[in-house]
Protein backbone atom coordinates (compact mmCIF):
# COMPACT_ATOMS: atom_id res chain seq x y z
CA UNK A 1 12.79 -35.01 73.16
CA UNK A 2 15.17 -33.83 70.61
CA UNK A 3 19.01 -34.13 71.04
CA UNK A 4 18.98 -30.20 71.71
CA UNK A 5 16.04 -30.14 73.84
CA UNK A 6 16.67 -27.47 76.65
CA UNK A 7 18.88 -25.34 74.36
CA UNK A 8 18.03 -21.81 73.58
CA UNK A 9 19.10 -20.09 70.66
CA UNK A 10 18.73 -16.34 69.75
CA UNK A 11 19.41 -16.39 66.06
CA UNK A 12 19.88 -12.75 64.34
CA UNK A 13 21.06 -14.34 60.94
CA UNK A 14 19.32 -13.95 57.44
CA UNK A 15 18.89 -15.55 54.16
CA UNK A 16 20.44 -19.17 53.99
CA UNK A 17 23.78 -19.90 55.97
CA UNK A 18 22.75 -18.87 59.66
CA UNK A 19 19.01 -20.03 59.11
CA UNK A 20 20.20 -23.37 57.96
CA UNK A 21 22.26 -23.87 60.78
CA UNK A 22 19.68 -22.90 63.30
CA UNK A 23 17.07 -25.10 61.34
CA UNK A 24 19.06 -28.27 62.02
CA UNK A 25 19.14 -27.10 65.77
CA UNK A 26 15.43 -26.40 65.78
CA UNK A 27 14.65 -29.73 64.17
CA UNK A 28 16.35 -31.60 66.60
CA UNK A 29 14.84 -29.89 69.68
CA UNK A 30 16.49 -26.51 70.36
CA UNK A 31 14.28 -23.40 70.97
CA UNK A 32 15.38 -20.98 68.40
CA UNK A 33 14.22 -17.31 68.37
CA UNK A 34 14.64 -15.46 65.24
CA UNK A 35 15.26 -11.82 66.17
CA UNK A 36 13.96 -9.79 63.09
CA UNK A 37 13.88 -6.22 62.10
CA UNK A 38 10.32 -4.67 62.67
CA UNK A 39 8.28 -4.53 59.64
CA UNK A 40 10.94 -5.96 57.36
CA UNK A 41 12.18 -9.14 59.02
CA UNK A 42 14.47 -11.69 57.23
CA UNK A 43 14.73 -10.84 53.58
CA UNK A 44 13.96 -14.45 52.44
CA UNK A 45 10.43 -14.30 53.78
CA UNK A 46 9.54 -12.08 50.66
CA UNK A 47 11.65 -14.06 48.04
CA UNK A 48 9.69 -15.43 45.10
CA UNK A 49 8.38 -18.02 44.39
CA UNK A 50 5.89 -17.59 47.24
CA UNK A 51 2.93 -19.37 48.65
CA UNK A 52 0.03 -17.10 49.75
CA UNK A 53 2.55 -14.26 49.80
CA UNK A 54 5.09 -16.09 51.95
CA UNK A 55 8.51 -17.11 50.34
CA UNK A 56 8.74 -20.71 49.72
CA UNK A 57 12.38 -20.73 51.06
CA UNK A 58 11.33 -19.11 54.29
CA UNK A 59 8.57 -21.84 54.80
CA UNK A 60 11.26 -24.50 54.35
CA UNK A 61 14.20 -23.15 56.40
CA UNK A 62 12.52 -21.63 59.33
CA UNK A 63 10.15 -24.22 60.53
CA UNK A 64 10.27 -24.98 64.21
CA UNK A 65 11.49 -21.50 65.07
CA UNK A 66 9.93 -18.35 66.86
CA UNK A 67 9.86 -14.90 65.48
CA UNK A 68 10.53 -11.76 67.60
CA UNK A 69 10.45 -8.20 66.02
CA UNK A 70 12.95 -6.23 67.67
CA UNK A 71 14.59 -2.94 66.75
CA UNK A 72 18.33 -3.39 68.06
CA UNK A 73 19.01 0.22 67.17
CA UNK A 74 17.01 1.50 70.00
CA UNK A 75 18.06 1.44 73.60
CA UNK A 76 15.12 -0.42 74.73
CA UNK A 77 15.53 -2.92 72.00
CA UNK A 78 19.04 -3.55 73.38
CA UNK A 79 17.91 -3.96 76.72
CA UNK A 80 15.31 -6.46 75.90
CA UNK A 81 17.97 -8.41 73.74
CA UNK A 82 20.42 -8.54 76.74
CA UNK A 83 17.51 -9.79 78.82
CA UNK A 84 16.89 -12.61 76.35
CA UNK A 85 20.47 -13.37 76.40
CA UNK A 86 20.56 -13.92 80.03
CA UNK A 87 18.91 -17.16 79.83
CA UNK A 88 20.16 -18.08 76.23
CA UNK A 89 22.67 -20.83 75.50
CA UNK A 90 23.64 -19.79 71.80
CA UNK A 91 23.70 -16.57 69.83
CA UNK A 92 24.28 -16.88 66.20
CA UNK A 93 24.74 -13.48 64.20
CA UNK A 94 25.80 -13.28 60.47
CA UNK A 95 26.38 -9.29 60.34
CA UNK A 96 29.74 -7.83 58.84
CA UNK A 97 32.52 -7.91 61.63
CA UNK A 98 32.19 -5.12 64.11
CA UNK A 99 28.28 -4.34 63.71
CA UNK A 100 27.42 -6.25 66.87
CA UNK A 101 30.07 -4.48 68.79
CA UNK A 102 29.00 -1.05 67.60
CA UNK A 103 25.44 -2.14 68.80
CA UNK A 104 26.91 -2.79 72.29
CA UNK A 105 25.84 -6.38 71.80
CA UNK A 106 29.12 -8.10 70.98
CA UNK A 107 30.38 -11.04 72.57
CA UNK A 108 32.41 -9.17 75.30
CA UNK A 109 29.20 -7.26 76.32
CA UNK A 110 26.94 -10.33 76.32
CA UNK A 111 29.27 -12.36 78.46
CA UNK A 112 28.93 -9.98 81.15
CA UNK A 113 25.35 -10.84 81.64
CA UNK A 114 25.85 -14.49 80.71
CA UNK A 115 29.23 -16.19 81.04
CA UNK A 116 28.25 -19.40 79.67
CA UNK A 117 26.98 -17.84 76.32
CA UNK A 118 28.16 -19.69 73.19
CA UNK A 119 28.39 -16.90 70.73
CA UNK A 120 28.96 -17.56 67.11
CA UNK A 121 29.63 -15.12 64.16
CA UNK A 122 29.13 -16.40 60.79
CA UNK A 123 30.50 -14.41 57.89
CA UNK A 124 32.01 -14.65 54.46
CA UNK A 125 35.70 -14.08 55.33
CA UNK A 126 35.99 -14.01 59.29
CA UNK A 127 36.50 -11.57 61.80
CA UNK A 128 40.29 -10.96 60.71
CA UNK A 129 42.28 -10.38 57.73
CA UNK A 130 42.20 -8.01 54.80
CA UNK A 131 38.96 -9.50 53.28
CA UNK A 132 37.03 -9.13 56.68
CA UNK A 133 34.79 -6.39 55.69
CA UNK A 134 34.35 -7.28 51.83
CA UNK A 135 30.68 -8.39 50.87
CA UNK A 136 30.34 -11.66 49.17
CA UNK A 137 28.30 -14.51 48.07
CA UNK A 138 28.78 -18.30 47.76
CA UNK A 139 30.52 -17.92 44.14
CA UNK A 140 33.05 -15.55 45.81
CA UNK A 141 33.94 -17.73 48.60
CA UNK A 142 34.22 -20.85 46.42
CA UNK A 143 36.32 -18.71 44.00
CA UNK A 144 38.85 -17.55 46.49
CA UNK A 145 39.09 -21.13 48.20
CA UNK A 146 39.96 -22.91 44.83
CA UNK A 147 36.83 -25.08 44.80
CA UNK A 148 35.26 -23.18 41.88
CA UNK A 149 38.56 -23.49 39.80
CA UNK A 150 38.18 -27.30 40.13
CA UNK A 151 34.76 -27.68 38.91
CA UNK A 152 34.23 -28.04 35.06
CA UNK A 153 35.68 -29.86 32.01
CA UNK A 154 39.25 -29.86 30.98
CA UNK A 155 40.05 -26.68 28.80
CA UNK A 156 36.68 -25.37 29.77
CA UNK A 157 35.86 -22.53 32.09
CA UNK A 158 34.76 -23.10 35.72
CA UNK A 159 31.18 -24.18 36.34
CA UNK A 160 29.03 -22.64 38.85
CA UNK A 161 27.45 -25.55 41.04
CA UNK A 162 23.73 -25.38 41.43
CA UNK A 163 23.76 -25.53 45.48
CA UNK A 164 25.56 -23.33 47.83
CA UNK A 165 28.87 -25.12 48.77
CA UNK A 166 30.40 -22.49 51.02
CA UNK A 167 27.10 -21.12 52.45
CA UNK A 168 25.97 -24.47 53.58
CA UNK A 169 29.03 -26.74 53.66
CA UNK A 170 31.66 -24.18 54.59
CA UNK A 171 29.28 -22.03 56.68
CA UNK A 172 26.10 -23.42 58.21
CA UNK A 173 27.49 -26.82 58.98
CA UNK A 174 30.82 -25.57 60.33
CA UNK A 175 28.74 -22.99 62.54
CA UNK A 176 26.62 -25.90 63.77
CA UNK A 177 29.71 -28.04 64.60
CA UNK A 178 31.49 -25.34 66.21
CA UNK A 179 28.28 -24.29 68.26
CA UNK A 180 27.73 -28.07 69.28
CA UNK A 181 31.44 -28.38 70.17
CA UNK A 182 31.40 -25.29 72.40
CA UNK A 183 28.22 -26.47 74.18
CA UNK A 184 29.84 -29.83 74.96
CA UNK A 185 32.99 -28.04 76.29
CA UNK A 186 30.73 -25.81 78.26
CA UNK A 187 29.14 -28.84 79.96
CA UNK A 188 32.73 -29.92 80.96
CA UNK A 189 34.17 -26.63 81.89
CA UNK A 190 31.14 -24.38 82.70
CA UNK A 191 32.59 -21.84 80.25
CA UNK A 192 31.20 -20.08 77.13
CA UNK A 193 33.02 -19.01 74.30
CA UNK A 194 33.18 -16.96 71.20
CA UNK A 195 33.26 -18.87 67.66
CA UNK A 196 34.47 -17.07 64.51
CA UNK A 197 33.30 -19.03 61.45
CA UNK A 198 34.16 -17.98 57.91
CA UNK A 199 32.49 -19.51 54.85
CA UNK A 200 35.79 -19.22 53.01
CA UNK A 201 37.65 -20.86 55.62
CA UNK A 202 35.18 -23.76 55.69
CA UNK A 203 35.30 -24.07 51.88
CA UNK A 204 39.12 -24.38 52.00
CA UNK A 205 38.78 -27.23 54.51
CA UNK A 206 36.98 -29.14 51.87
CA UNK A 207 40.14 -29.39 49.64
CA UNK A 208 41.80 -32.03 51.75
CA UNK A 209 42.24 -34.25 48.71
CA UNK A 210 43.24 -31.67 46.28
CA UNK A 211 45.64 -29.84 48.66
CA UNK A 212 47.22 -32.98 50.06
CA UNK A 213 48.22 -33.92 46.47
CA UNK A 214 49.49 -30.42 45.86
CA UNK A 215 51.55 -30.54 49.14
CA UNK A 216 52.97 -33.84 48.11
CA UNK A 217 53.83 -33.24 44.42
CA UNK A 218 53.94 -29.50 44.22
CA UNK A 219 51.80 -29.71 40.98
CA UNK A 220 48.74 -27.52 40.80
CA UNK A 221 45.60 -29.75 40.20
CA UNK A 222 44.17 -29.00 36.85
CA UNK A 223 40.23 -28.56 36.39
CA UNK A 224 39.03 -31.88 34.62
CA UNK A 225 42.31 -33.68 34.95
CA UNK A 226 42.12 -35.42 38.37
CA UNK A 227 40.79 -38.48 39.77
CA UNK A 228 37.40 -37.51 40.77
CA UNK A 229 36.53 -34.52 38.53
CA UNK A 230 35.60 -36.44 35.15
CA UNK A 231 38.99 -36.95 33.77
CA UNK A 232 38.67 -40.87 34.00
CA UNK A 233 36.05 -42.69 32.16
CA UNK A 234 34.95 -44.54 35.15
CA UNK A 235 33.87 -41.45 37.16
CA UNK A 236 31.98 -39.33 34.60
CA UNK A 237 28.43 -38.48 33.45
CA UNK A 238 26.77 -39.70 30.28
CA UNK A 239 23.86 -38.81 28.42
CA UNK A 240 21.33 -41.59 27.35
CA UNK A 241 19.07 -41.96 24.36
CA UNK A 242 16.18 -40.12 25.99
CA UNK A 243 18.51 -37.13 26.83
CA UNK A 244 18.69 -38.09 30.44
CA UNK A 245 21.84 -38.81 32.27
CA UNK A 246 23.77 -41.47 34.17
CA UNK A 247 26.31 -40.94 37.08
CA UNK A 248 29.04 -43.36 36.79
CA UNK A 249 31.13 -43.46 39.94
CA UNK A 250 33.40 -46.81 39.51
CA UNK A 251 36.69 -45.67 40.78
CA UNK A 252 37.51 -49.02 42.19
CA UNK A 253 38.57 -51.56 39.76
CA UNK A 254 35.73 -54.31 40.93
CA UNK A 255 33.21 -51.83 40.14
CA UNK A 256 34.55 -51.05 36.77
CA UNK A 257 35.19 -54.69 36.00
CA UNK A 258 31.45 -55.39 36.57
CA UNK A 259 30.33 -52.61 34.30
CA UNK A 260 32.44 -53.78 31.68
CA UNK A 261 30.92 -57.34 31.97
CA UNK A 262 27.33 -56.06 32.05
CA UNK A 263 27.71 -53.89 28.91
CA UNK A 264 29.37 -56.39 27.03
CA UNK A 265 32.70 -54.84 26.73
CA UNK A 266 35.01 -57.16 28.90
CA UNK A 267 38.00 -55.77 26.94
CA UNK A 268 37.71 -52.46 28.40
CA UNK A 269 38.28 -53.66 31.69
CA UNK A 270 42.13 -53.21 31.51
CA UNK A 271 41.64 -49.53 30.61
CA UNK A 272 40.51 -48.60 33.97
CA UNK A 273 43.47 -46.59 34.75
CA UNK A 274 44.80 -45.97 31.33
CA UNK A 275 46.58 -42.83 30.21
CA UNK A 276 44.93 -39.41 29.27
CA UNK A 277 44.36 -40.29 25.47
CA UNK A 278 42.97 -43.80 26.60
CA UNK A 279 40.58 -42.09 29.02
CA UNK A 280 39.62 -39.47 26.20
CA UNK A 281 38.90 -42.35 23.61
CA UNK A 282 37.09 -44.63 26.21
CA UNK A 283 34.68 -41.56 27.35
CA UNK A 284 33.86 -41.03 23.69
CA UNK A 285 33.15 -44.81 23.37
CA UNK A 286 31.19 -44.95 26.47
CA UNK A 287 29.12 -41.83 25.33
CA UNK A 288 28.14 -43.51 22.09
CA UNK A 289 27.29 -46.72 23.90
CA UNK A 290 25.02 -45.12 26.66
CA UNK A 291 23.10 -43.13 23.82
CA UNK A 292 21.87 -46.29 22.37
CA UNK A 293 19.25 -46.92 25.23
CA UNK A 294 16.97 -44.88 27.56
CA UNK A 295 18.34 -44.13 31.12
CA UNK A 296 15.72 -46.62 32.89
CA UNK A 297 16.95 -49.51 30.58
CA UNK A 298 20.53 -48.87 31.65
CA UNK A 299 19.45 -48.46 35.34
CA UNK A 300 17.69 -51.74 35.06
CA UNK A 301 20.81 -53.42 33.74
CA UNK A 302 23.40 -51.49 36.03
CA UNK A 303 21.92 -49.71 38.91
CA UNK A 304 21.29 -52.77 41.18
CA UNK A 305 24.59 -54.38 40.59
CA UNK A 306 27.90 -53.65 42.16
CA UNK A 307 28.74 -50.88 39.64
CA UNK A 308 28.24 -47.57 41.46
CA UNK A 309 25.90 -46.47 38.51
CA UNK A 310 22.91 -44.35 39.16
CA UNK A 311 20.60 -41.70 37.55
CA UNK A 312 21.21 -37.79 37.49
CA UNK A 313 17.74 -36.95 38.90
CA UNK A 314 16.10 -33.64 38.55
CA UNK A 315 14.34 -32.06 41.54
CA UNK A 316 10.96 -33.21 40.35
CA UNK A 317 12.29 -36.88 40.40
CA UNK A 318 13.93 -37.11 43.69
CA UNK A 319 10.93 -37.11 45.94
CA UNK A 320 9.54 -40.13 43.79
CA UNK A 321 12.69 -41.93 44.43
CA UNK A 322 12.02 -44.99 46.74
CA UNK A 323 15.17 -44.64 48.51
CA UNK A 324 14.41 -40.82 49.51
CA UNK A 325 10.85 -41.91 50.32
CA UNK A 326 12.01 -44.72 52.62
CA UNK A 327 14.40 -42.21 54.38
CA UNK A 328 11.50 -39.93 55.04
CA UNK A 329 13.29 -37.06 53.36
CA UNK A 330 9.91 -35.47 52.04
CA UNK A 331 7.65 -34.43 54.70
CA UNK A 332 4.65 -31.92 54.94
CA UNK A 333 4.08 -29.00 57.07
CA UNK A 334 0.76 -27.30 58.09
CA UNK A 335 0.95 -23.45 57.97
CA UNK A 336 -1.87 -21.14 59.12
CA UNK A 337 -1.52 -18.91 56.02
CA UNK A 338 0.25 -21.10 53.34
CA UNK A 339 -1.81 -24.21 54.07
CA UNK A 340 0.00 -27.64 53.72
CA UNK A 341 3.67 -26.87 52.57
CA UNK A 342 6.10 -29.72 51.28
CA UNK A 343 9.35 -29.96 53.23
CA UNK A 344 12.59 -31.60 53.16
CA UNK A 345 12.88 -34.01 55.83
CA UNK A 346 15.73 -34.69 58.46
CA UNK A 347 19.13 -35.81 57.35
CA UNK A 348 20.51 -37.15 60.53
CA UNK A 349 18.83 -40.34 62.02
CA UNK A 350 18.84 -40.76 65.68
CA UNK A 351 17.64 -43.84 67.39
CA UNK A 352 16.32 -41.87 70.43
CA UNK A 353 16.23 -38.28 69.71
CA UNK A 354 14.62 -37.89 66.29
CA UNK A 355 14.04 -34.69 64.29
CA UNK A 356 10.35 -33.47 64.26
CA UNK A 357 8.24 -30.86 62.78
CA UNK A 358 6.55 -29.33 65.80
CA UNK A 359 5.53 -25.72 64.38
CA UNK A 360 5.25 -23.98 61.23
CA UNK A 361 7.76 -21.25 60.01
CA UNK A 362 6.72 -18.24 61.87
CA UNK A 363 4.75 -15.11 60.65
CA UNK A 364 6.87 -12.10 61.25
CA UNK A 365 6.86 -11.15 64.90
CA UNK A 366 4.46 -14.10 65.59
CA UNK A 367 6.05 -14.64 69.18
CA UNK A 368 6.97 -11.28 70.18
CA UNK A 369 4.19 -10.89 72.90
CA UNK A 370 4.94 -14.43 74.19
CA UNK A 371 8.62 -13.84 74.63
CA UNK A 372 8.16 -10.38 76.11
CA UNK A 373 5.68 -11.90 78.62
CA UNK A 374 8.18 -14.45 79.52
CA UNK A 375 10.58 -11.50 80.35
CA UNK A 376 7.85 -9.98 82.64
CA UNK A 377 6.77 -7.21 80.37
CA UNK A 378 2.93 -6.40 80.94
CA UNK A 379 0.44 -5.77 78.08
CA UNK A 380 0.88 -1.98 78.73
CA UNK A 381 4.56 -2.16 78.39
CA UNK A 382 4.21 -4.30 75.33
CA UNK A 383 1.97 -1.61 73.88
CA UNK A 384 4.22 1.11 74.64
CA UNK A 385 7.07 -0.71 72.98
CA UNK A 386 4.94 -1.04 69.81
CA UNK A 387 4.14 2.53 69.83
CA UNK A 388 7.79 3.61 70.02
CA UNK A 389 8.76 1.27 67.27
CA UNK A 390 10.93 -1.01 69.42
CA UNK A 391 8.82 -3.92 68.37
CA UNK A 392 6.38 -4.66 65.34
CA UNK A 393 2.70 -4.44 65.01
CA UNK A 394 0.46 -6.62 66.91
CA UNK A 395 0.13 -10.26 65.59
CA UNK A 396 -1.62 -13.10 67.08
CA UNK A 397 -1.86 -16.63 65.52
CA UNK A 398 -3.15 -19.77 66.70
CA UNK A 399 -0.65 -22.68 66.52
């Protein structure tokens, strides 16, 4: 039994933020049903690279879920969705504000058939405000929020991060937190509710350190000139002789002191919190020093000591890392079309309700007939729905 066993989720989201949220729920036991447009589905299904014609990202982010093709622009499609909603616990959608209301499937309408529904809208800028209808992507949300402006070297331009900060941290995980809190509230009160999650809002909330400093001092933090963004030599990235990199995060004095001892530079210990010019010269000196040995040589010397020094791994290295292997963050999933597919494992470790891979990422519409049968639709009814374009073409896959 997973932590969310017995929770039924109707997921109308696409691409990354919403599906990441429901992946977490599905991995820990929730029944997640993806509602997809007939013949098209979630766009991520077709994104390259692909394995046997199926997008690799879909294979990873939609495991443990079911897929139902349903045309919500038809009256019968809307009726079917409402029937599904009657027994659902959660609805997650990521359309622009107002779309679900125009379809007649917004929170107010759904709450008439299910007063306990937890209904979450996950969008870039939220349901209110002057930006609510603007299109956007992660780079825009972290740009508006101030995060992007803080990433990069001093006097250089902002650096685009290689992962989606607002999509996942500001959006998916905020939606997951909100949904779980709302479910807990429902247990105590019996009441469902509506949740408005904005990826930009979530990203702004990540600024607690920089914003707190600004509120206290009135000084705008400068890129590359704050405590944990590369200004100090003790919190920086250094290249090694073999063109690889080390991450040094010795912000506490005791860690910095140990580094200085191990590299044979005890005289550098007192420079830990030195001035800007001191830090600039110290970074140059450390850069020259670290380029004298290969990455592994430095790791052998420093990584297993109290130094907060580690490697900057590439993707092809992380799944060979002994800590990542021990934490079971590298798994495999069997798929009827793609075969054995490598997967990222479960980030939250429960003592009793562990995450599991119970089913493969669904083929488009794989569970349409199953779900409709549970709603008392006969084979003849289902065939008629197929002919009228309410659902997709017939598909049957053995699990």
